[in-house]
């Protein structure tokens, strides 16, 4: 299974390391500790063996915040008033979740 943030990177056209950086910044801005959501996953290597990659297990609201690029410093009521792009986002996530990650 492809780690979730790799899919977010594919969806947004960003490098995985930049998505990780965005998650860390977002969590810090919201006052969360990264360790609350962080874990390491084993990624199989083409010639055998594994490498470890940091991954974040984000709840749905933080995932929306990350992908939509919404200003997390605004009030919570403002966040829930912006779902104009949510339908497009959910469609893209579902499409991304059902297709395998493009190999580089």
PDB file of N, CA and C in Angstrom:
ATOM      1  N   UNK A   1       0.842  -1.190   0.000  1.00  0.00           N
ATOM      2  CA  UNK A   1       0.000   0.000   0.000  1.00  0.00           C
ATOM      3  C   UNK A   1       0.882   1.246   0.000  1.00  0.00           C
ATOM      4  N   UNK A   2       0.520   2.213  -0.812  1.00  0.00           N
ATOM      5  CA  UNK A   2       1.280   3.453  -0.899  1.00  0.00           C
ATOM      6  C   UNK A   2       0.947   4.345   0.295  1.00  0.00           C
ATOM      7  N   UNK A   3       1.960   4.850   1.013  1.00  0.00           N
ATOM      8  CA  UNK A   3       1.685   5.761   2.122  1.00  0.00           C
ATOM      9  C   UNK A   3       0.880   6.976   1.649  1.00  0.00           C
ATOM     10  N   UNK A   4       0.005   7.443   2.523  1.00  0.00           N
ATOM     11  CA  UNK A   4      -0.952   8.497   2.188  1.00  0.00           C
ATOM     12  C   UNK A   4      -0.297   9.781   1.677  1.00  0.00           C
ATOM     13  N   UNK A   5       0.783  10.222   2.308  1.00  0.00           N
ATOM     14  CA  UNK A   5       1.377  11.498   1.894  1.00  0.00           C
ATOM     15  C   UNK A   5       2.030  11.416   0.515  1.00  0.00           C
ATOM     16  N   UNK A   6       2.435  10.213   0.099  1.00  0.00           N
ATOM     17  CA  UNK A   6       2.920  10.068  -1.279  1.00  0.00           C
ATOM     18  C   UNK A   6       1.779  10.362  -2.242  1.00  0.00           C
ATOM     19  N   UNK A   7       0.586   9.918  -1.889  1.00  0.00           N
ATOM     20  CA  UNK A   7      -0.578  10.188  -2.740  1.00  0.00           C
ATOM     21  C   UNK A   7      -0.903  11.677  -2.765  1.00  0.00           C
ATOM     22  N   UNK A   8      -0.799  12.317  -1.619  1.00  0.00           N
ATOM     23  CA  UNK A   8      -1.010  13.770  -1.560  1.00  0.00           C
ATOM     24  C   UNK A   8       0.037  14.468  -2.432  1.00  0.00           C
ATOM     25  N   UNK A   9       1.280  14.017  -2.363  1.00  0.00           N
ATOM     26  CA  UNK A   9       2.341  14.605  -3.194  1.00  0.00           C
ATOM     27  C   UNK A   9       2.004  14.442  -4.675  1.00  0.00           C
ATOM     28  N   UNK A  10       1.557  13.246  -5.061  1.00  0.00           N
ATOM     29  CA  UNK A  10       1.169  13.023  -6.454  1.00  0.00           C
ATOM     30  C   UNK A  10       0.017  13.937  -6.860  1.00  0.00           C
ATOM     31  N   UNK A  11      -0.971  14.048  -5.990  1.00  0.00           N
ATOM     32  CA  UNK A  11      -2.156  14.856  -6.278  1.00  0.00           C
ATOM     33  C   UNK A  11      -1.816  16.328  -6.455  1.00  0.00           C
ATOM     34  N   UNK A  12      -0.927  16.832  -5.608  1.00  0.00           N
ATOM     35  CA  UNK A  12      -0.605  18.259  -5.634  1.00  0.00           C
ATOM     36  C   UNK A  12       0.569  18.606  -6.536  1.00  0.00           C
ATOM     37  N   UNK A  13       1.285  17.573  -7.021  1.00  0.00           N
ATOM     38  CA  UNK A  13       2.452  17.824  -7.861  1.00  0.00           C
ATOM     39  C   UNK A  13       3.674  18.279  -7.078  1.00  0.00           C
ATOM     40  N   UNK A  14       3.676  18.026  -5.761  1.00  0.00           N
ATOM     41  CA  UNK A  14       4.810  18.408  -4.919  1.00  0.00           C
ATOM     42  C   UNK A  14       5.700  17.199  -4.653  1.00  0.00           C
ATOM     43  N   UNK A  15       6.932  17.465  -4.250  1.00  0.00           N
ATOM     44  CA  UNK A  15       7.806  16.400  -3.770  1.00  0.00           C
ATOM     45  C   UNK A  15       7.318  15.951  -2.395  1.00  0.00           C
ATOM     46  N   UNK A  16       7.514  14.673  -2.093  1.00  0.00           N
ATOM     47  CA  UNK A  16       7.094  14.130  -0.805  1.00  0.00           C
ATOM     48  C   UNK A  16       7.714  14.906   0.355  1.00  0.00           C
ATOM     49  N   UNK A  17       8.997  15.261   0.236  1.00  0.00           N
ATOM     50  CA  UNK A  17       9.668  15.986   1.323  1.00  0.00           C
ATOM     51  C   UNK A  17       9.025  17.348   1.573  1.00  0.00           C
ATOM     52  N   UNK A  18       8.485  17.979   0.529  1.00  0.00           N
ATOM     53  CA  UNK A  18       7.813  19.268   0.705  1.00  0.00           C
ATOM     54  C   UNK A  18       6.450  19.095   1.365  1.00  0.00           C
ATOM     55  N   UNK A  19       5.768  17.999   1.051  1.00  0.00           N
ATOM     56  CA  UNK A  19       4.496  17.715   1.724  1.00  0.00           C
ATOM     57  C   UNK A  19       4.751  17.468   3.207  1.00  0.00           C
ATOM     58  N   UNK A  20       5.803  16.704   3.533  1.00  0.00           N
ATOM     59  CA  UNK A  20       6.149  16.485   4.938  1.00  0.00           C
ATOM     60  C   UNK A  20       6.418  17.810   5.647  1.00  0.00           C
ATOM     61  N   UNK A  21       7.145  18.692   4.986  1.00  0.00           N
ATOM     62  CA  UNK A  21       7.439  20.008   5.554  1.00  0.00           C
ATOM     63  C   UNK A  21       6.152  20.806   5.778  1.00  0.00           C
ATOM     64  N   UNK A  22       5.240  20.756   4.803  1.00  0.00           N
ATOM     65  CA  UNK A  22       3.955  21.456   4.938  1.00  0.00           C
ATOM     66  C   UNK A  22       3.152  20.907   6.115  1.00  0.00           C
ATOM     67  N   UNK A  23       3.165  19.588   6.291  1.00  0.00           N
ATOM     68  CA  UNK A  23       2.438  18.977   7.405  1.00  0.00           C
ATOM     69  C   UNK A  23       3.027  19.429   8.729  1.00  0.00           C
ATOM     70  N   UNK A  24       4.350  19.382   8.833  1.00  0.00           N
ATOM     71  CA  UNK A  24       4.999  19.816  10.082  1.00  0.00           C
ATOM     72  C   UNK A  24       4.662  21.267  10.406  1.00  0.00           C
ATOM     73  N   UNK A  25       4.710  22.137   9.406  1.00  0.00           N
ATOM     74  CA  UNK A  25       4.392  23.554   9.624  1.00  0.00           C
ATOM     75  C   UNK A  25       2.936  23.725  10.041  1.00  0.00           C
ATOM     76  N   UNK A  26       2.032  23.059   9.320  1.00  0.00           N
ATOM     77  CA  UNK A  26       0.612  23.160   9.640  1.00  0.00           C
ATOM     78  C   UNK A  26       0.341  22.698  11.067  1.00  0.00           C
ATOM     79  N   UNK A  27       0.897  21.548  11.441  1.00  0.00           N
ATOM     80  CA  UNK A  27       0.678  21.035  12.800  1.00  0.00           C
ATOM     81  C   UNK A  27       1.241  21.988  13.846  1.00  0.00           C
ATOM     82  N   UNK A  28       2.422  22.544  13.579  1.00  0.00           N
ATOM     83  CA  UNK A  28       3.009  23.510  14.500  1.00  0.00           C
ATOM     84  C   UNK A  28       2.151  24.762  14.635  1.00  0.00           C
ATOM     85  N   UNK A  29       1.641  25.263  13.495  1.00  0.00           N
ATOM     86  CA  UNK A  29       0.776  26.448  13.529  1.00  0.00           C
ATOM     87  C   UNK A  29      -0.495  26.200  14.328  1.00  0.00           C
ATOM     88  N   UNK A  30      -0.979  24.964  14.306  1.00  0.00           N
ATOM     89  CA  UNK A  30      -2.195  24.614  15.045  1.00  0.00           C
ATOM     90  C   UNK A  30      -1.918  24.247  16.496  1.00  0.00           C
ATOM     91  N   UNK A  31      -0.635  24.173  16.871  1.00  0.00           N
ATOM     92  CA  UNK A  31      -0.292  23.860  18.252  1.00  0.00           C
ATOM     93  C   UNK A  31      -0.220  22.375  18.560  1.00  0.00           C
ATOM     94  N   UNK A  32      -0.160  21.534  17.525  1.00  0.00           N
ATOM     95  CA  UNK A  32      -0.026  20.092  17.735  1.00  0.00           C
ATOM     96  C   UNK A  32       1.444  19.702  17.742  1.00  0.00           C
ATOM     97  N   UNK A  33       1.733  18.607  18.398  1.00  0.00           N
ATOM     98  CA  UNK A  33       3.058  18.004  18.339  1.00  0.00           C
ATOM     99  C   UNK A  33       3.047  17.047  17.148  1.00  0.00           C
ATOM    100  N   UNK A  34       4.069  17.096  16.315  1.00  0.00           N
ATOM    101  CA  UNK A  34       4.133  16.199  15.150  1.00  0.00           C
ATOM    102  C   UNK A  34       4.052  14.737  15.562  1.00  0.00           C
ATOM    103  N   UNK A  35       4.602  14.409  16.736  1.00  0.00           N
ATOM    104  CA  UNK A  35       4.615  13.019  17.194  1.00  0.00           C
ATOM    105  C   UNK A  35       3.206  12.455  17.396  1.00  0.00           C
ATOM    106  N   UNK A  36       2.212  13.340  17.580  1.00  0.00           N
ATOM    107  CA  UNK A  36       0.844  12.871  17.746  1.00  0.00           C
ATOM    108  C   UNK A  36       0.323  12.178  16.487  1.00  0.00           C
ATOM    109  N   UNK A  37       0.884  12.524  15.328  1.00  0.00           N
ATOM    110  CA  UNK A  37       0.386  12.020  14.050  1.00  0.00           C
ATOM    111  C   UNK A  37       1.452  11.269  13.252  1.00  0.00           C
ATOM    112  N   UNK A  38       2.687  11.260  13.733  1.00  0.00           N
ATOM    113  CA  UNK A  38       3.815  10.750  12.964  1.00  0.00           C
ATOM    114  C   UNK A  38       4.061   9.264  13.207  1.00  0.00           C
ATOM    115  N   UNK A  39       4.529   8.593  12.160  1.00  0.00           N
ATOM    116  CA  UNK A  39       4.935   7.195  12.241  1.00  0.00           C
ATOM    117  C   UNK A  39       5.941   6.949  11.124  1.00  0.00           C
ATOM    118  N   UNK A  40       6.584   5.818  11.166  1.00  0.00           N
ATOM    119  CA  UNK A  40       7.498   5.435  10.091  1.00  0.00           C
ATOM    120  C   UNK A  40       6.946   4.205   9.409  1.00  0.00           C
ATOM    121  N   UNK A  41       7.002   4.217   8.076  1.00  0.00           N
ATOM    122  CA  UNK A  41       6.534   3.082   7.292  1.00  0.00           C
ATOM    123  C   UNK A  41       7.711   2.479   6.540  1.00  0.00           C
ATOM    124  N   UNK A  42       7.598   1.197   6.257  1.00  0.00           N
ATOM    125  CA  UNK A  42       8.640   0.494   5.500  1.00  0.00           C
ATOM    126  C   UNK A  42       8.272   0.510   4.024  1.00  0.00           C
ATOM    127  N   UNK A  43       9.169   1.019   3.217  1.00  0.00           N
ATOM    128  CA  UNK A  43       8.961   1.104   1.777  1.00  0.00           C
ATOM    129  C   UNK A  43       9.866   0.057   1.110  1.00  0.00           C
ATOM    130  N   UNK A  44       9.282  -0.854   0.304  1.00  0.00           N
ATOM    131  CA  UNK A  44      10.128  -1.844  -0.364  1.00  0.00           C
ATOM    132  C   UNK A  44      11.041  -1.198  -1.398  1.00  0.00           C
ATOM    133  N   UNK A  45      12.251  -1.668  -1.471  1.00  0.00           N
ATOM    134  CA  UNK A  45      13.234  -1.174  -2.438  1.00  0.00           C
ATOM    135  C   UNK A  45      13.191  -2.062  -3.685  1.00  0.00           C
ATOM    136  N   UNK A  46      13.504  -1.503  -4.851  1.00  0.00           N
ATOM    137  CA  UNK A  46      13.424  -2.281  -6.095  1.00  0.00           C
ATOM    138  C   UNK A  46      14.298  -3.538  -6.113  1.00  0.00           C
ATOM    139  N   UNK A  47      15.439  -3.487  -5.466  1.00  0.00           N
ATOM    140  CA  UNK A  47      16.362  -4.633  -5.470  1.00  0.00           C
ATOM    141  C   UNK A  47      16.281  -5.453  -4.187  1.00  0.00           C
ATOM    142  N   UNK A  48      15.210  -5.294  -3.466  1.00  0.00           N
ATOM    143  CA  UNK A  48      15.027  -6.014  -2.210  1.00  0.00           C
ATOM    144  C   UNK A  48      15.343  -5.137  -1.021  1.00  0.00           C
ATOM    145  N   UNK A  49      14.915  -5.559   0.109  1.00  0.00           N
ATOM    146  CA  UNK A  49      15.115  -4.776   1.321  1.00  0.00           C
ATOM    147  C   UNK A  49      14.070  -3.677   1.457  1.00  0.00           C
ATOM    148  N   UNK A  50      14.222  -2.891   2.502  1.00  0.00           N
ATOM    149  CA  UNK A  50      13.271  -1.826   2.799  1.00  0.00           C
ATOM    150  C   UNK A  50      14.008  -0.587   3.253  1.00  0.00           C
ATOM    151  N   UNK A  51      13.352   0.549   3.122  1.00  0.00           N
ATOM    152  CA  UNK A  51      13.833   1.783   3.738  1.00  0.00           C
ATOM    153  C   UNK A  51      12.666   2.350   4.539  1.00  0.00           C
ATOM    154  N   UNK A  52      12.980   3.137   5.550  1.00  0.00           N
ATOM    155  CA  UNK A  52      11.932   3.741   6.369  1.00  0.00           C
ATOM    156  C   UNK A  52      11.677   5.163   5.912  1.00  0.00           C
ATOM    157  N   UNK A  53      10.403   5.527   5.847  1.00  0.00           N
ATOM    158  CA  UNK A  53       9.983   6.883   5.494  1.00  0.00           C
ATOM    159  C   UNK A  53       9.037   7.383   6.571  1.00  0.00           C
ATOM    160  N   UNK A  54       9.175   8.659   6.890  1.00  0.00           N
ATOM    161  CA  UNK A  54       8.235   9.262   7.828  1.00  0.00           C
ATOM    162  C   UNK A  54       6.891   9.436   7.135  1.00  0.00           C
ATOM    163  N   UNK A  55       5.836   9.201   7.872  1.00  0.00           N
ATOM    164  CA  UNK A  55       4.479   9.335   7.354  1.00  0.00           C
ATOM    165  C   UNK A  55       3.625   9.948   8.457  1.00  0.00           C
ATOM    166  N   UNK A  56       2.580  10.641   8.076  1.00  0.00           N
ATOM    167  CA  UNK A  56       1.664  11.231   9.047  1.00  0.00           C
ATOM    168  C   UNK A  56       0.279  10.644   8.834  1.00  0.00           C
ATOM    169  N   UNK A  57      -0.384  10.314   9.928  1.00  0.00           N
ATOM    170  CA  UNK A  57      -1.745   9.818   9.891  1.00  0.00           C
ATOM    171  C   UNK A  57      -2.649  10.974  10.321  1.00  0.00           C
ATOM    172  N   UNK A  58      -3.145  11.718   9.338  1.00  0.00           N
ATOM    173  CA  UNK A  58      -3.935  12.917   9.622  1.00  0.00           C
ATOM    174  C   UNK A  58      -5.425  12.619   9.598  1.00  0.00           C
ATOM    175  N   UNK A  59      -6.177  13.222  10.522  1.00  0.00           N
ATOM    176  CA  UNK A  59      -7.632  13.103  10.443  1.00  0.00           C
ATOM    177  C   UNK A  59      -8.156  13.885   9.236  1.00  0.00           C
ATOM    178  N   UNK A  60      -9.396  13.640   8.881  1.00  0.00           N
ATOM    179  CA  UNK A  60      -9.986  14.217   7.674  1.00  0.00           C
ATOM    180  C   UNK A  60      -9.901  15.741   7.651  1.00  0.00           C
ATOM    181  N   UNK A  61     -10.203  16.414   8.766  1.00  0.00           N
ATOM    182  CA  UNK A  61     -10.201  17.879   8.751  1.00  0.00           C
ATOM    183  C   UNK A  61      -8.801  18.440   8.487  1.00  0.00           C
ATOM    184  N   UNK A  62      -7.770  17.812   9.054  1.00  0.00           N
ATOM    185  CA  UNK A  62      -6.412  18.288   8.801  1.00  0.00           C
ATOM    186  C   UNK A  62      -5.958  17.953   7.383  1.00  0.00           C
ATOM    187  N   UNK A  63      -6.461  16.863   6.831  1.00  0.00           N
ATOM    188  CA  UNK A  63      -6.148  16.522   5.444  1.00  0.00           C
ATOM    189  C   UNK A  63      -6.741  17.559   4.500  1.00  0.00           C
ATOM    190  N   UNK A  64      -7.989  17.951   4.746  1.00  0.00           N
ATOM    191  CA  UNK A  64      -8.611  19.017   3.947  1.00  0.00           C
ATOM    192  C   UNK A  64      -7.787  20.299   4.050  1.00  0.00           C
ATOM    193  N   UNK A  65      -7.399  20.645   5.265  1.00  0.00           N
ATOM    194  CA  UNK A  65      -6.618  21.853   5.483  1.00  0.00           C
ATOM    195  C   UNK A  65      -5.309  21.799   4.708  1.00  0.00           C
ATOM    196  N   UNK A  66      -4.636  20.659   4.749  1.00  0.00           N
ATOM    197  CA  UNK A  66      -3.364  20.496   4.053  1.00  0.00           C
ATOM    198  C   UNK A  66      -3.530  20.651   2.541  1.00  0.00           C
ATOM    199  N   UNK A  67      -4.467  19.931   1.967  1.00  0.00           N
ATOM    200  CA  UNK A  67      -4.589  19.897   0.508  1.00  0.00           C
ATOM    201  C   UNK A  67      -5.182  21.186  -0.047  1.00  0.00           C
ATOM    202  N   UNK A  68      -6.132  21.766   0.660  1.00  0.00           N
ATOM    203  CA  UNK A  68      -6.744  22.991   0.172  1.00  0.00           C
ATOM    204  C   UNK A  68      -5.868  24.210   0.409  1.00  0.00           C
ATOM    205  N   UNK A  69      -4.824  24.051   1.236  1.00  0.00           N
ATOM    206  CA  UNK A  69      -3.927  25.163   1.498  1.00  0.00           C
ATOM    207  C   UNK A  69      -4.598  26.275   2.275  1.00  0.00           C
ATOM    208  N   UNK A  70      -5.576  25.912   3.056  1.00  0.00           N
ATOM    209  CA  UNK A  70      -6.341  26.904   3.805  1.00  0.00           C
ATOM    210  C   UNK A  70      -5.518  27.485   4.937  1.00  0.00           C
ATOM    211  N   UNK A  71      -5.744  28.739   5.255  1.00  0.00           N
ATOM    212  CA  UNK A  71      -5.025  29.423   6.327  1.00  0.00           C
ATOM    213  C   UNK A  71      -5.485  28.881   7.677  1.00  0.00           C
ATOM    214  N   UNK A  72      -4.626  28.095   8.331  1.00  0.00           N
ATOM    215  CA  UNK A  72      -5.018  27.440   9.571  1.00  0.00           C
ATOM    216  C   UNK A  72      -5.162  28.414  10.736  1.00  0.00           C
ATOM    217  N   UNK A  73      -4.703  29.642  10.569  1.00  0.00           N
ATOM    218  CA  UNK A  73      -4.797  30.602  11.670  1.00  0.00           C
ATOM    219  C   UNK A  73      -6.173  31.257  11.754  1.00  0.00           C
ATOM    220  N   UNK A  74      -6.989  31.077  10.723  1.00  0.00           N
ATOM    221  CA  UNK A  74      -8.350  31.610  10.782  1.00  0.00           C
ATOM    222  C   UNK A  74      -9.181  30.786  11.753  1.00  0.00           C
ATOM    223  N   UNK A  75     -10.358  31.286  12.062  1.00  0.00           N
ATOM    224  CA  UNK A  75     -11.182  30.577  13.034  1.00  0.00           C
ATOM    225  C   UNK A  75     -11.722  29.280  12.448  1.00  0.00           C
ATOM    226  N   UNK A  76     -12.099  28.370  13.323  1.00  0.00           N
ATOM    227  CA  UNK A  76     -12.630  27.083  12.899  1.00  0.00           C
ATOM    228  C   UNK A  76     -13.902  27.259  12.073  1.00  0.00           C
ATOM    229  N   UNK A  77     -14.742  28.224  12.421  1.00  0.00           N
ATOM    230  CA  UNK A  77     -15.963  28.465  11.646  1.00  0.00           C
ATOM    231  C   UNK A  77     -15.632  28.851  10.215  1.00  0.00           C
ATOM    232  N   UNK A  78     -14.581  29.658  10.017  1.00  0.00           N
ATOM    233  CA  UNK A  78     -14.171  30.034   8.666  1.00  0.00           C
ATOM    234  C   UNK A  78     -13.749  28.808   7.865  1.00  0.00           C
ATOM    235  N   UNK A  79     -13.047  27.873   8.521  1.00  0.00           N
ATOM    236  CA  UNK A  79     -12.591  26.680   7.804  1.00  0.00           C
ATOM    237  C   UNK A  79     -13.771  25.916   7.235  1.00  0.00           C
ATOM    238  N   UNK A  80     -14.806  25.724   8.026  1.00  0.00           N
ATOM    239  CA  UNK A  80     -15.933  24.932   7.567  1.00  0.00           C
ATOM    240  C   UNK A  80     -16.841  25.691   6.605  1.00  0.00           C
ATOM    241  N   UNK A  81     -16.575  26.963   6.372  1.00  0.00           N
ATOM    242  CA  UNK A  81     -17.390  27.717   5.415  1.00  0.00           C
ATOM    243  C   UNK A  81     -16.809  27.692   4.009  1.00  0.00           C
ATOM    244  N   UNK A  82     -15.656  27.039   3.791  1.00  0.00           N
ATOM    245  CA  UNK A  82     -15.011  27.042   2.476  1.00  0.00           C
ATOM    246  C   UNK A  82     -15.196  25.795   1.631  1.00  0.00           C
ATOM    247  N   UNK A  83     -16.111  24.900   1.923  1.00  0.00           N
ATOM    248  CA  UNK A  83     -16.147  23.673   1.145  1.00  0.00           C
ATOM    249  C   UNK A  83     -16.575  23.824  -0.314  1.00  0.00           C
ATOM    250  N   UNK A  84     -16.395  24.978  -0.921  1.00  0.00           N
ATOM    251  CA  UNK A  84     -16.681  25.115  -2.343  1.00  0.00           C
ATOM    252  C   UNK A  84     -15.795  24.190  -3.161  1.00  0.00           C
ATOM    253  N   UNK A  85     -14.560  23.988  -2.708  1.00  0.00           N
ATOM    254  CA  UNK A  85     -13.630  23.126  -3.437  1.00  0.00           C
ATOM    255  C   UNK A  85     -13.588  21.700  -2.896  1.00  0.00           C
ATOM    256  N   UNK A  86     -14.368  21.420  -1.877  1.00  0.00           N
ATOM    257  CA  UNK A  86     -14.289  20.118  -1.237  1.00  0.00           C
ATOM    258  C   UNK A  86     -14.729  19.000  -2.177  1.00  0.00           C
ATOM    259  N   UNK A  87     -15.800  19.216  -2.931  1.00  0.00           N
ATOM    260  CA  UNK A  87     -16.261  18.163  -3.837  1.00  0.00           C
ATOM    261  C   UNK A  87     -15.174  17.816  -4.853  1.00  0.00           C
ATOM    262  N   UNK A  88     -14.517  18.820  -5.407  1.00  0.00           N
ATOM    263  CA  UNK A  88     -13.424  18.588  -6.350  1.00  0.00           C
ATOM    264  C   UNK A  88     -12.282  17.850  -5.665  1.00  0.00           C
ATOM    265  N   UNK A  89     -11.975  18.242  -4.446  1.00  0.00           N
ATOM    266  CA  UNK A  89     -10.919  17.594  -3.681  1.00  0.00           C
ATOM    267  C   UNK A  89     -11.234  16.127  -3.414  1.00  0.00           C
ATOM    268  N   UNK A  90     -12.444  15.845  -2.952  1.00  0.00           N
ATOM    269  CA  UNK A  90     -12.827  14.468  -2.634  1.00  0.00           C
ATOM    270  C   UNK A  90     -12.779  13.606  -3.890  1.00  0.00           C
ATOM    271  N   UNK A  91     -13.242  14.131  -5.005  1.00  0.00           N
ATOM    272  CA  UNK A  91     -13.178  13.388  -6.265  1.00  0.00           C
ATOM    273  C   UNK A  91     -11.734  13.075  -6.627  1.00  0.00           C
ATOM    274  N   UNK A  92     -10.857  14.054  -6.487  1.00  0.00           N
ATOM    275  CA  UNK A  92      -9.440  13.847  -6.804  1.00  0.00           C
ATOM    276  C   UNK A  92      -8.803  12.841  -5.854  1.00  0.00           C
ATOM    277  N   UNK A  93      -9.127  12.905  -4.574  1.00  0.00           N
ATOM    278  CA  UNK A  93      -8.582  11.962  -3.592  1.00  0.00           C
ATOM    279  C   UNK A  93      -9.042  10.548  -3.916  1.00  0.00           C
ATOM    280  N   UNK A  94     -10.329  10.398  -4.238  1.00  0.00           N
ATOM    281  CA  UNK A  94     -10.834   9.055  -4.567  1.00  0.00           C
ATOM    282  C   UNK A  94     -10.135   8.510  -5.799  1.00  0.00           C
ATOM    283  N   UNK A  95      -9.943   9.359  -6.805  1.00  0.00           N
ATOM    284  CA  UNK A  95      -9.249   8.929  -8.015  1.00  0.00           C
ATOM    285  C   UNK A  95      -7.808   8.522  -7.683  1.00  0.00           C
ATOM    286  N   UNK A  96      -7.155   9.339  -6.874  1.00  0.00           N
ATOM    287  CA  UNK A  96      -5.774   9.066  -6.484  1.00  0.00           C
ATOM    288  C   UNK A  96      -5.688   7.799  -5.638  1.00  0.00           C
ATOM    289  N   UNK A  97      -6.664   7.589  -4.755  1.00  0.00           N
ATOM    290  CA  UNK A  97      -6.647   6.429  -3.862  1.00  0.00           C
ATOM    291  C   UNK A  97      -6.859   5.123  -4.613  1.00  0.00           C
ATOM    292  N   UNK A  98      -7.518   5.177  -5.761  1.00  0.00           N
ATOM    293  CA  UNK A  98      -7.789   3.944  -6.497  1.00  0.00           C
ATOM    294  C   UNK A  98      -6.759   3.666  -7.580  1.00  0.00           C
ATOM    295  N   UNK A  99      -5.858   4.596  -7.832  1.00  0.00           N
ATOM    296  CA  UNK A  99      -4.837   4.352  -8.843  1.00  0.00           C
ATOM    297  C   UNK A  99      -3.482   4.161  -8.172  1.00  0.00           C
ATOM    298  N   UNK A 100      -2.642   3.262  -8.722  1.00  0.00           N
ATOM    299  CA  UNK A 100      -1.323   3.047  -8.126  1.00  0.00           C
ATOM    300  C   UNK A 100      -0.437   4.268  -8.309  1.00  0.00           C
ATOM    301  N   UNK A 101       0.519   4.437  -7.405  1.00  0.00           N
ATOM    302  CA  UNK A 101       1.451   5.568  -7.461  1.00  0.00           C
ATOM    303  C   UNK A 101       2.317   5.441  -8.700  1.00  0.00           C
ATOM    304  N   UNK A 102       2.484   6.545  -9.412  1.00  0.00           N
ATOM    305  CA  UNK A 102       3.339   6.544 -10.593  1.00  0.00           C
ATOM    306  C   UNK A 102       4.769   6.289 -10.168  1.00  0.00           C
ATOM    307  N   UNK A 103       5.442   5.370 -10.864  1.00  0.00           N
ATOM    308  CA  UNK A 103       6.838   5.097 -10.532  1.00  0.00           C
ATOM    309  C   UNK A 103       7.721   6.126 -11.207  1.00  0.00           C
ATOM    310  N   UNK A 104       8.755   6.545 -10.497  1.00  0.00           N
ATOM    311  CA  UNK A 104       9.654   7.578 -11.010  1.00  0.00           C
ATOM    312  C   UNK A 104      10.741   6.975 -11.853  1.00  0.00           C
TER     313      UNK A 104
END
